[in-house]
Amino acid sequence: MNARVILWIYIVLLVIGGVIGLLKGKSKVSLIMSVVFAVLLSFTAVPGLLPPEWPDWVADVLLGLLLIVFAIRLGKTKKFMPAGLMLLITVLAMALRHVRW
């Protein structure tokens, strides 16, 4: 699997998480933020939309921002679901994107 495929899998999981946040917790903010970050990440995953040297580090910055957000949410709520799970998935996605298969 290459970095682009891993990023697309993460994008899908991110949007699913936002939809679940809306349905279960009635959180429109979860859905909006997940879609915003998914769109931004998808720009980095589609070849040719950004200059060739941008996508890798831009995706890493966006994933880093999501790591911070999920860590803050986990710290505030002290509940593993959903922030802790998304924190783990984000760390896994960042790690797998940089593994050379």
PDB file of N, CA and C in Angstrom:
ATOM      1  N   MET A   1       0.848  -1.182   0.000  1.00  0.00           N
ATOM      2  CA  MET A   1       0.000   0.000   0.000  1.00  0.00           C
ATOM      3  C   MET A   1       0.890   1.242   0.000  1.00  0.00           C
ATOM      4  N   ASN A   2       0.528   2.207  -0.817  1.00  0.00           N
ATOM      5  CA  ASN A   2       1.327   3.425  -0.814  1.00  0.00           C
ATOM      6  C   ASN A   2       0.670   4.501   0.056  1.00  0.00           C
ATOM      7  N   ALA A   3       1.395   5.605   0.208  1.00  0.00           N
ATOM      8  CA  ALA A   3       0.935   6.674   1.100  1.00  0.00           C
ATOM      9  C   ALA A   3      -0.415   7.249   0.668  1.00  0.00           C
ATOM     10  N   ARG A   4      -0.656   7.298  -0.627  1.00  0.00           N
ATOM     11  CA  ARG A   4      -1.910   7.866  -1.129  1.00  0.00           C
ATOM     12  C   ARG A   4      -3.103   6.992  -0.752  1.00  0.00           C
ATOM     13  N   VAL A   5      -2.959   5.683  -0.861  1.00  0.00           N
ATOM     14  CA  VAL A   5      -4.045   4.759  -0.505  1.00  0.00           C
ATOM     15  C   VAL A   5      -4.341   4.856   0.992  1.00  0.00           C
ATOM     16  N   ILE A   6      -3.295   4.902   1.790  1.00  0.00           N
ATOM     17  CA  ILE A   6      -3.477   5.028   3.243  1.00  0.00           C
ATOM     18  C   ILE A   6      -4.202   6.329   3.564  1.00  0.00           C
ATOM     19  N   LEU A   7      -3.838   7.397   2.882  1.00  0.00           N
ATOM     20  CA  LEU A   7      -4.496   8.677   3.118  1.00  0.00           C
ATOM     21  C   LEU A   7      -5.970   8.620   2.741  1.00  0.00           C
ATOM     22  N   TRP A   8      -6.309   7.969   1.630  1.00  0.00           N
ATOM     23  CA  TRP A   8      -7.721   7.849   1.236  1.00  0.00           C
ATOM     24  C   TRP A   8      -8.506   7.022   2.252  1.00  0.00           C
ATOM     25  N   ILE A   9      -7.906   5.960   2.763  1.00  0.00           N
ATOM     26  CA  ILE A   9      -8.575   5.157   3.796  1.00  0.00           C
ATOM     27  C   ILE A   9      -8.834   6.020   5.030  1.00  0.00           C
ATOM     28  N   TYR A  10      -7.841   6.821   5.405  1.00  0.00           N
ATOM     29  CA  TYR A  10      -7.999   7.706   6.558  1.00  0.00           C
ATOM     30  C   TYR A  10      -9.106   8.735   6.309  1.00  0.00           C
ATOM     31  N   ILE A  11      -9.141   9.290   5.110  1.00  0.00           N
ATOM     32  CA  ILE A  11     -10.168  10.283   4.776  1.00  0.00           C
ATOM     33  C   ILE A  11     -11.567   9.678   4.929  1.00  0.00           C
ATOM     34  N   VAL A  12     -11.747   8.472   4.443  1.00  0.00           N
ATOM     35  CA  VAL A  12     -13.053   7.799   4.564  1.00  0.00           C
ATOM     36  C   VAL A  12     -13.395   7.581   6.035  1.00  0.00           C
ATOM     37  N   LEU A  13     -12.438   7.106   6.827  1.00  0.00           N
ATOM     38  CA  LEU A  13     -12.683   6.885   8.257  1.00  0.00           C
ATOM     39  C   LEU A  13     -12.992   8.190   8.975  1.00  0.00           C
ATOM     40  N   LEU A  14     -12.329   9.266   8.576  1.00  0.00           N
ATOM     41  CA  LEU A  14     -12.567  10.572   9.181  1.00  0.00           C
ATOM     42  C   LEU A  14     -14.004  11.034   8.939  1.00  0.00           C
ATOM     43  N   VAL A  15     -14.477  10.891   7.711  1.00  0.00           N
ATOM     44  CA  VAL A  15     -15.853  11.310   7.382  1.00  0.00           C
ATOM     45  C   VAL A  15     -16.864  10.401   8.082  1.00  0.00           C
ATOM     46  N   ILE A  16     -16.592   9.112   8.120  1.00  0.00           N
ATOM     47  CA  ILE A  16     -17.485   8.192   8.841  1.00  0.00           C
ATOM     48  C   ILE A  16     -17.577   8.602  10.307  1.00  0.00           C
ATOM     49  N   GLY A  17     -16.439   8.959  10.901  1.00  0.00           N
ATOM     50  CA  GLY A  17     -16.437   9.420  12.288  1.00  0.00           C
ATOM     51  C   GLY A  17     -17.276  10.672  12.478  1.00  0.00           C
ATOM     52  N   GLY A  18     -17.199  11.596  11.526  1.00  0.00           N
ATOM     53  CA  GLY A  18     -18.013  12.809  11.605  1.00  0.00           C
ATOM     54  C   GLY A  18     -19.494  12.519  11.497  1.00  0.00           C
ATOM     55  N   VAL A  19     -19.851  11.592  10.620  1.00  0.00           N
ATOM     56  CA  VAL A  19     -21.263  11.205  10.469  1.00  0.00           C
ATOM     57  C   VAL A  19     -21.762  10.539  11.746  1.00  0.00           C
ATOM     58  N   ILE A  20     -20.955   9.661  12.315  1.00  0.00           N
ATOM     59  CA  ILE A  20     -21.351   9.008  13.573  1.00  0.00           C
ATOM     60  C   ILE A  20     -21.483  10.040  14.685  1.00  0.00           C
ATOM     61  N   GLY A  21     -20.570  11.032  14.716  1.00  0.00           N
ATOM     62  CA  GLY A  21     -20.674  12.103  15.706  1.00  0.00           C
ATOM     63  C   GLY A  21     -21.971  12.880  15.567  1.00  0.00           C
ATOM     64  N   LEU A  22     -22.414  13.079  14.341  1.00  0.00           N
ATOM     65  CA  LEU A  22     -23.678  13.775  14.111  1.00  0.00           C
ATOM     66  C   LEU A  22     -24.856  12.915  14.549  1.00  0.00           C
ATOM     67  N   LEU A  23     -24.841  11.643  14.155  1.00  0.00           N
ATOM     68  CA  LEU A  23     -25.975  10.772  14.454  1.00  0.00           C
ATOM     69  C   LEU A  23     -26.076  10.419  15.929  1.00  0.00           C
ATOM     70  N   LYS A  24     -24.954  10.106  16.553  1.00  0.00           N
ATOM     71  CA  LYS A  24     -24.983   9.667  17.952  1.00  0.00           C
ATOM     72  C   LYS A  24     -24.975  10.830  18.929  1.00  0.00           C
ATOM     73  N   GLY A  25     -24.113  11.819  18.662  1.00  0.00           N
ATOM     74  CA  GLY A  25     -23.954  12.912  19.618  1.00  0.00           C
ATOM     75  C   GLY A  25     -24.609  14.202  19.206  1.00  0.00           C
ATOM     76  N   LYS A  26     -25.293  14.190  18.069  1.00  0.00           N
ATOM     77  CA  LYS A  26     -25.949  15.396  17.535  1.00  0.00           C
ATOM     78  C   LYS A  26     -24.948  16.544  17.383  1.00  0.00           C
ATOM     79  N   SER A  27     -23.711  16.210  17.010  1.00  0.00           N
ATOM     80  CA  SER A  27     -22.654  17.199  16.890  1.00  0.00           C
ATOM     81  C   SER A  27     -22.447  17.585  15.426  1.00  0.00           C
ATOM     82  N   LYS A  28     -22.997  18.735  15.069  1.00  0.00           N
ATOM     83  CA  LYS A  28     -22.798  19.241  13.712  1.00  0.00           C
ATOM     84  C   LYS A  28     -21.343  19.639  13.499  1.00  0.00           C
ATOM     85  N   VAL A  29     -20.694  20.096  14.571  1.00  0.00           N
ATOM     86  CA  VAL A  29     -19.294  20.508  14.477  1.00  0.00           C
ATOM     87  C   VAL A  29     -18.421  19.325  14.073  1.00  0.00           C
ATOM     88  N   SER A  30     -18.701  18.135  14.600  1.00  0.00           N
ATOM     89  CA  SER A  30     -17.927  16.946  14.235  1.00  0.00           C
ATOM     90  C   SER A  30     -18.025  16.664  12.747  1.00  0.00           C
ATOM     91  N   LEU A  31     -19.217  16.735  12.227  1.00  0.00           N
ATOM     92  CA  LEU A  31     -19.415  16.481  10.802  1.00  0.00           C
ATOM     93  C   LEU A  31     -18.738  17.555   9.956  1.00  0.00           C
ATOM     94  N   ILE A  32     -18.930  18.807  10.314  1.00  0.00           N
ATOM     95  CA  ILE A  32     -18.357  19.905   9.537  1.00  0.00           C
ATOM     96  C   ILE A  32     -16.833  19.826   9.539  1.00  0.00           C
ATOM     97  N   MET A  33     -16.238  19.643  10.703  1.00  0.00           N
ATOM     98  CA  MET A  33     -14.779  19.590  10.784  1.00  0.00           C
ATOM     99  C   MET A  33     -14.212  18.370  10.071  1.00  0.00           C
ATOM    100  N   SER A  34     -14.900  17.242  10.177  1.00  0.00           N
ATOM    101  CA  SER A  34     -14.394  16.050   9.490  1.00  0.00           C
ATOM    102  C   SER A  34     -14.453  16.234   7.979  1.00  0.00           C
ATOM    103  N   VAL A  35     -15.507  16.855   7.481  1.00  0.00           N
ATOM    104  CA  VAL A  35     -15.614  17.093   6.041  1.00  0.00           C
ATOM    105  C   VAL A  35     -14.582  18.128   5.587  1.00  0.00           C
ATOM    106  N   VAL A  36     -14.372  19.173   6.368  1.00  0.00           N
ATOM    107  CA  VAL A  36     -13.380  20.191   6.010  1.00  0.00           C
ATOM    108  C   VAL A  36     -11.992  19.565   5.920  1.00  0.00           C
ATOM    109  N   PHE A  37     -11.606  18.802   6.942  1.00  0.00           N
ATOM    110  CA  PHE A  37     -10.295  18.167   6.918  1.00  0.00           C
ATOM    111  C   PHE A  37     -10.217  17.097   5.826  1.00  0.00           C
ATOM    112  N   ALA A  38     -11.307  16.409   5.575  1.00  0.00           N
ATOM    113  CA  ALA A  38     -11.311  15.402   4.508  1.00  0.00           C
ATOM    114  C   ALA A  38     -11.089  16.059   3.150  1.00  0.00           C
ATOM    115  N   VAL A  39     -11.715  17.191   2.916  1.00  0.00           N
ATOM    116  CA  VAL A  39     -11.528  17.904   1.647  1.00  0.00           C
ATOM    117  C   VAL A  39     -10.082  18.385   1.525  1.00  0.00           C
ATOM    118  N   LEU A  40      -9.556  18.969   2.593  1.00  0.00           N
ATOM    119  CA  LEU A  40      -8.173  19.444   2.559  1.00  0.00           C
ATOM    120  C   LEU A  40      -7.198  18.293   2.332  1.00  0.00           C
ATOM    121  N   LEU A  41      -7.414  17.174   3.015  1.00  0.00           N
ATOM    122  CA  LEU A  41      -6.552  16.013   2.828  1.00  0.00           C
ATOM    123  C   LEU A  41      -6.704  15.422   1.429  1.00  0.00           C
ATOM    124  N   SER A  42      -7.910  15.470   0.882  1.00  0.00           N
ATOM    125  CA  SER A  42      -8.098  14.917  -0.458  1.00  0.00           C
ATOM    126  C   SER A  42      -7.365  15.749  -1.513  1.00  0.00           C
ATOM    127  N   PHE A  43      -7.210  17.057  -1.268  1.00  0.00           N
ATOM    128  CA  PHE A  43      -6.402  17.873  -2.182  1.00  0.00           C
ATOM    129  C   PHE A  43      -4.968  17.356  -2.231  1.00  0.00           C
ATOM    130  N   THR A  44      -4.465  16.892  -1.104  1.00  0.00           N
ATOM    131  CA  THR A  44      -3.092  16.378  -1.076  1.00  0.00           C
ATOM    132  C   THR A  44      -3.007  14.978  -1.663  1.00  0.00           C
ATOM    133  N   ALA A  45      -4.122  14.262  -1.711  1.00  0.00           N
ATOM    134  CA  ALA A  45      -4.121  12.886  -2.199  1.00  0.00           C
ATOM    135  C   ALA A  45      -4.340  12.785  -3.704  1.00  0.00           C
ATOM    136  N   VAL A  46      -4.844  13.842  -4.311  1.00  0.00           N
ATOM    137  CA  VAL A  46      -5.083  13.829  -5.758  1.00  0.00           C
ATOM    138  C   VAL A  46      -3.865  14.436  -6.454  1.00  0.00           C
ATOM    139  N   PRO A  47      -3.198  13.652  -7.288  1.00  0.00           N
ATOM    140  CA  PRO A  47      -2.010  14.171  -7.963  1.00  0.00           C
ATOM    141  C   PRO A  47      -2.338  15.330  -8.901  1.00  0.00           C
ATOM    142  N   GLY A  48      -1.482  16.333  -8.882  1.00  0.00           N
ATOM    143  CA  GLY A  48      -1.638  17.446  -9.800  1.00  0.00           C
ATOM    144  C   GLY A  48      -2.407  18.635  -9.268  1.00  0.00           C
ATOM    145  N   LEU A  49      -3.082  18.498  -8.136  1.00  0.00           N
ATOM    146  CA  LEU A  49      -3.830  19.637  -7.598  1.00  0.00           C
ATOM    147  C   LEU A  49      -2.917  20.631  -6.883  1.00  0.00           C
ATOM    148  N   LEU A  50      -1.868  20.125  -6.279  1.00  0.00           N
ATOM    149  CA  LEU A  50      -0.904  20.975  -5.587  1.00  0.00           C
ATOM    150  C   LEU A  50       0.461  20.790  -6.246  1.00  0.00           C
ATOM    151  N   PRO A  51       1.365  21.725  -6.045  1.00  0.00           N
ATOM    152  CA  PRO A  51       2.716  21.532  -6.576  1.00  0.00           C
ATOM    153  C   PRO A  51       3.300  20.211  -6.077  1.00  0.00           C
ATOM    154  N   PRO A  52       4.111  19.550  -6.871  1.00  0.00           N
ATOM    155  CA  PRO A  52       4.599  18.206  -6.542  1.00  0.00           C
ATOM    156  C   PRO A  52       5.303  18.098  -5.200  1.00  0.00           C
ATOM    157  N   GLU A  53       5.956  19.145  -4.748  1.00  0.00           N
ATOM    158  CA  GLU A  53       6.680  19.051  -3.478  1.00  0.00           C
ATOM    159  C   GLU A  53       5.787  19.306  -2.261  1.00  0.00           C
ATOM    160  N   TRP A  54       4.575  19.733  -2.451  1.00  0.00           N
ATOM    161  CA  TRP A  54       3.686  20.061  -1.342  1.00  0.00           C
ATOM    162  C   TRP A  54       2.958  18.888  -0.702  1.00  0.00           C
ATOM    163  N   PRO A  55       2.324  18.008  -1.443  1.00  0.00           N
ATOM    164  CA  PRO A  55       1.373  17.075  -0.844  1.00  0.00           C
ATOM    165  C   PRO A  55       1.855  16.304   0.381  1.00  0.00           C
ATOM    166  N   ASP A  56       3.081  15.789   0.383  1.00  0.00           N
ATOM    167  CA  ASP A  56       3.503  14.993   1.527  1.00  0.00           C
ATOM    168  C   ASP A  56       3.562  15.802   2.809  1.00  0.00           C
ATOM    169  N   TRP A  57       4.196  16.948   2.764  1.00  0.00           N
ATOM    170  CA  TRP A  57       4.309  17.699   4.006  1.00  0.00           C
ATOM    171  C   TRP A  57       3.011  18.396   4.377  1.00  0.00           C
ATOM    172  N   VAL A  58       2.208  18.769   3.397  1.00  0.00           N
ATOM    173  CA  VAL A  58       0.911  19.388   3.715  1.00  0.00           C
ATOM    174  C   VAL A  58       0.006  18.366   4.399  1.00  0.00           C
ATOM    175  N   ALA A  59      -0.014  17.148   3.895  1.00  0.00           N
ATOM    176  CA  ALA A  59      -0.813  16.087   4.531  1.00  0.00           C
ATOM    177  C   ALA A  59      -0.308  15.818   5.946  1.00  0.00           C
ATOM    178  N   ASP A  60       1.013  15.824   6.138  1.00  0.00           N
ATOM    179  CA  ASP A  60       1.566  15.610   7.475  1.00  0.00           C
ATOM    180  C   ASP A  60       1.172  16.729   8.433  1.00  0.00           C
ATOM    181  N   VAL A  61       1.170  17.959   7.955  1.00  0.00           N
ATOM    182  CA  VAL A  61       0.755  19.090   8.801  1.00  0.00           C
ATOM    183  C   VAL A  61      -0.717  18.946   9.182  1.00  0.00           C
ATOM    184  N   LEU A  62      -1.562  18.614   8.213  1.00  0.00           N
ATOM    185  CA  LEU A  62      -2.992  18.446   8.506  1.00  0.00           C
ATOM    186  C   LEU A  62      -3.216  17.299   9.488  1.00  0.00           C
ATOM    187  N   LEU A  63      -2.518  16.187   9.286  1.00  0.00           N
ATOM    188  CA  LEU A  63      -2.648  15.070  10.218  1.00  0.00           C
ATOM    189  C   LEU A  63      -2.119  15.457  11.597  1.00  0.00           C
ATOM    190  N   GLY A  64      -1.065  16.250  11.634  1.00  0.00           N
ATOM    191  CA  GLY A  64      -0.545  16.734  12.918  1.00  0.00           C
ATOM    192  C   GLY A  64      -1.551  17.614  13.641  1.00  0.00           C
ATOM    193  N   LEU A  65      -2.230  18.473  12.895  1.00  0.00           N
ATOM    194  CA  LEU A  65      -3.281  19.300  13.503  1.00  0.00           C
ATOM    195  C   LEU A  65      -4.408  18.431  14.061  1.00  0.00           C
ATOM    196  N   LEU A  66      -4.776  17.401  13.309  1.00  0.00           N
ATOM    197  CA  LEU A  66      -5.810  16.489  13.795  1.00  0.00           C
ATOM    198  C   LEU A  66      -5.343  15.740  15.040  1.00  0.00           C
ATOM    199  N   LEU A  67      -4.070  15.373  15.084  1.00  0.00           N
ATOM    200  CA  LEU A  67      -3.523  14.730  16.287  1.00  0.00           C
ATOM    201  C   LEU A  67      -3.699  15.627  17.506  1.00  0.00           C
ATOM    202  N   ILE A  68      -3.381  16.895  17.330  1.00  0.00           N
ATOM    203  CA  ILE A  68      -3.515  17.849  18.440  1.00  0.00           C
ATOM    204  C   ILE A  68      -4.966  17.971  18.873  1.00  0.00           C
ATOM    205  N   VAL A  69      -5.860  18.101  17.896  1.00  0.00           N
ATOM    206  CA  VAL A  69      -7.290  18.239  18.209  1.00  0.00           C
ATOM    207  C   VAL A  69      -7.801  17.011  18.959  1.00  0.00           C
ATOM    208  N   PHE A  70      -7.476  15.821  18.462  1.00  0.00           N
ATOM    209  CA  PHE A  70      -7.953  14.598  19.109  1.00  0.00           C
ATOM    210  C   PHE A  70      -7.326  14.414  20.488  1.00  0.00           C
ATOM    211  N   ALA A  71      -6.070  14.816  20.656  1.00  0.00           N
ATOM    212  CA  ALA A  71      -5.424  14.712  21.964  1.00  0.00           C
ATOM    213  C   ALA A  71      -6.081  15.659  22.973  1.00  0.00           C
ATOM    214  N   ILE A  72      -6.392  16.861  22.533  1.00  0.00           N
ATOM    215  CA  ILE A  72      -7.075  17.819  23.411  1.00  0.00           C
ATOM    216  C   ILE A  72      -8.450  17.294  23.798  1.00  0.00           C
ATOM    217  N   ARG A  73      -9.180  16.772  22.808  1.00  0.00           N
ATOM    218  CA  ARG A  73     -10.518  16.225  23.099  1.00  0.00           C
ATOM    219  C   ARG A  73     -10.434  15.054  24.063  1.00  0.00           C
ATOM    220  N   LEU A  74      -9.450  14.185  23.869  1.00  0.00           N
ATOM    221  CA  LEU A  74      -9.276  13.044  24.770  1.00  0.00           C
ATOM    222  C   LEU A  74      -8.932  13.527  26.171  1.00  0.00           C
ATOM    223  N   GLY A  75      -8.087  14.537  26.268  1.00  0.00           N
ATOM    224  CA  GLY A  75      -7.738  15.091  27.572  1.00  0.00           C
ATOM    225  C   GLY A  75      -8.920  15.716  28.286  1.00  0.00           C
ATOM    226  N   LYS A  76      -9.792  16.359  27.535  1.00  0.00           N
ATOM    227  CA  LYS A  76     -10.960  17.000  28.144  1.00  0.00           C
ATOM    228  C   LYS A  76     -12.007  15.988  28.584  1.00  0.00           C
ATOM    229  N   THR A  77     -12.301  15.026  27.721  1.00  0.00           N
ATOM    230  CA  THR A  77     -13.395  14.097  28.008  1.00  0.00           C
ATOM    231  C   THR A  77     -12.952  12.898  28.823  1.00  0.00           C
ATOM    232  N   LYS A  78     -11.670  12.533  28.734  1.00  0.00           N
ATOM    233  CA  LYS A  78     -11.131  11.341  29.411  1.00  0.00           C
ATOM    234  C   LYS A  78     -11.825  10.058  28.958  1.00  0.00           C
ATOM    235  N   LYS A  79     -12.466  10.115  27.799  1.00  0.00           N
ATOM    236  CA  LYS A  79     -13.139   8.944  27.233  1.00  0.00           C
ATOM    237  C   LYS A  79     -12.420   8.529  25.960  1.00  0.00           C
ATOM    238  N   PHE A  80     -12.209   7.221  25.811  1.00  0.00           N
ATOM    239  CA  PHE A  80     -11.493   6.735  24.644  1.00  0.00           C
ATOM    240  C   PHE A  80     -12.274   6.978  23.353  1.00  0.00           C
ATOM    241  N   MET A  81     -13.577   6.796  23.422  1.00  0.00           N
ATOM    242  CA  MET A  81     -14.403   6.976  22.224  1.00  0.00           C
ATOM    243  C   MET A  81     -14.982   8.372  22.212  1.00  0.00           C
ATOM    244  N   PRO A  82     -14.925   9.045  21.132  1.00  0.00           N
ATOM    245  CA  PRO A  82     -14.325   8.752  19.850  1.00  0.00           C
ATOM    246  C   PRO A  82     -12.912   9.324  19.688  1.00  0.00           C
ATOM    247  N   ALA A  83     -12.549  10.310  20.539  1.00  0.00           N
ATOM    248  CA  ALA A  83     -11.287  11.024  20.335  1.00  0.00           C
ATOM    249  C   ALA A  83     -10.065  10.107  20.445  1.00  0.00           C
ATOM    250  N   GLY A  84     -10.075   9.198  21.396  1.00  0.00           N
ATOM    251  CA  GLY A  84      -8.942   8.294  21.562  1.00  0.00           C
ATOM    252  C   GLY A  84      -8.770   7.375  20.378  1.00  0.00           C
ATOM    253  N   LEU A  85      -9.871   6.860  19.869  1.00  0.00           N
ATOM    254  CA  LEU A  85      -9.803   5.986  18.696  1.00  0.00           C
ATOM    255  C   LEU A  85      -9.283   6.754  17.488  1.00  0.00           C
ATOM    256  N   MET A  86      -9.781   7.955  17.271  1.00  0.00           N
ATOM    257  CA  MET A  86      -9.320   8.748  16.136  1.00  0.00           C
ATOM    258  C   MET A  86      -7.859   9.168  16.327  1.00  0.00           C
ATOM    259  N   LEU A  87      -7.433   9.376  17.557  1.00  0.00           N
ATOM    260  CA  LEU A  87      -6.034   9.672  17.828  1.00  0.00           C
ATOM    261  C   LEU A  87      -5.155   8.496  17.405  1.00  0.00           C
ATOM    262  N   LEU A  88      -5.555   7.295  17.784  1.00  0.00           N
ATOM    263  CA  LEU A  88      -4.799   6.106  17.393  1.00  0.00           C
ATOM    264  C   LEU A  88      -4.792   5.895  15.882  1.00  0.00           C
ATOM    265  N   ILE A  89      -5.941   6.084  15.250  1.00  0.00           N
ATOM    266  CA  ILE A  89      -6.028   5.918  13.797  1.00  0.00           C
ATOM    267  C   ILE A  89      -5.151   6.953  13.089  1.00  0.00           C
ATOM    268  N   THR A  90      -5.114   8.171  13.607  1.00  0.00           N
ATOM    269  CA  THR A  90      -4.295   9.215  13.008  1.00  0.00           C
ATOM    270  C   THR A  90      -2.809   8.893  13.145  1.00  0.00           C
ATOM    271  N   VAL A  91      -2.400   8.438  14.323  1.00  0.00           N
ATOM    272  CA  VAL A  91      -1.001   8.044  14.528  1.00  0.00           C
ATOM    273  C   VAL A  91      -0.648   6.895  13.582  1.00  0.00           C
ATOM    274  N   LEU A  92      -1.534   5.922  13.475  1.00  0.00           N
ATOM    275  CA  LEU A  92      -1.309   4.790  12.586  1.00  0.00           C
ATOM    276  C   LEU A  92      -1.199   5.241  11.133  1.00  0.00           C
ATOM    277  N   ALA A  93      -2.086   6.130  10.712  1.00  0.00           N
ATOM    278  CA  ALA A  93      -2.043   6.637   9.331  1.00  0.00           C
ATOM    279  C   ALA A  93      -0.743   7.393   9.069  1.00  0.00           C
ATOM    280  N   MET A  94      -0.320   8.215  10.011  1.00  0.00           N
ATOM    281  CA  MET A  94       0.937   8.958   9.835  1.00  0.00           C
ATOM    282  C   MET A  94       2.116   7.999   9.746  1.00  0.00           C
ATOM    283  N   ALA A  95       2.127   6.986  10.586  1.00  0.00           N
ATOM    284  CA  ALA A  95       3.235   6.032  10.581  1.00  0.00           C
ATOM    285  C   ALA A  95       3.241   5.227   9.280  1.00  0.00           C
ATOM    286  N   LEU A  96       2.091   4.718   8.894  1.00  0.00           N
ATOM    287  CA  LEU A  96       2.029   3.888   7.691  1.00  0.00           C
ATOM    288  C   LEU A  96       2.340   4.670   6.409  1.00  0.00           C
ATOM    289  N   ARG A  97       2.033   5.953   6.411  1.00  0.00           N
ATOM    290  CA  ARG A  97       2.332   6.767   5.233  1.00  0.00           C
ATOM    291  C   ARG A  97       3.827   6.877   4.996  1.00  0.00           C
ATOM    292  N   HIS A  98       4.628   6.727   6.052  1.00  0.00           N
ATOM    293  CA  HIS A  98       6.068   6.908   5.923  1.00  0.00           C
ATOM    294  C   HIS A  98       6.838   5.596   5.894  1.00  0.00           C
ATOM    295  N   VAL A  99       6.127   4.480   5.960  1.00  0.00           N
ATOM    296  CA  VAL A  99       6.763   3.169   5.825  1.00  0.00           C
ATOM    297  C   VAL A  99       6.915   2.887   4.341  1.00  0.00           C
ATOM    298  N   ARG A 100       8.081   2.460   3.950  1.00  0.00           N
ATOM    299  CA  ARG A 100       8.307   2.107   2.550  1.00  0.00           C
ATOM    300  C   ARG A 100       8.105   0.608   2.394  1.00  0.00           C
ATOM    301  N   TRP A 101       7.136   0.207   1.597  1.00  0.00           N
ATOM    302  CA  TRP A 101       6.750  -1.198   1.463  1.00  0.00           C
ATOM    303  C   TRP A 101       7.681  -1.889   0.517  1.00  0.00           C
TER     304      TRP A 101
END
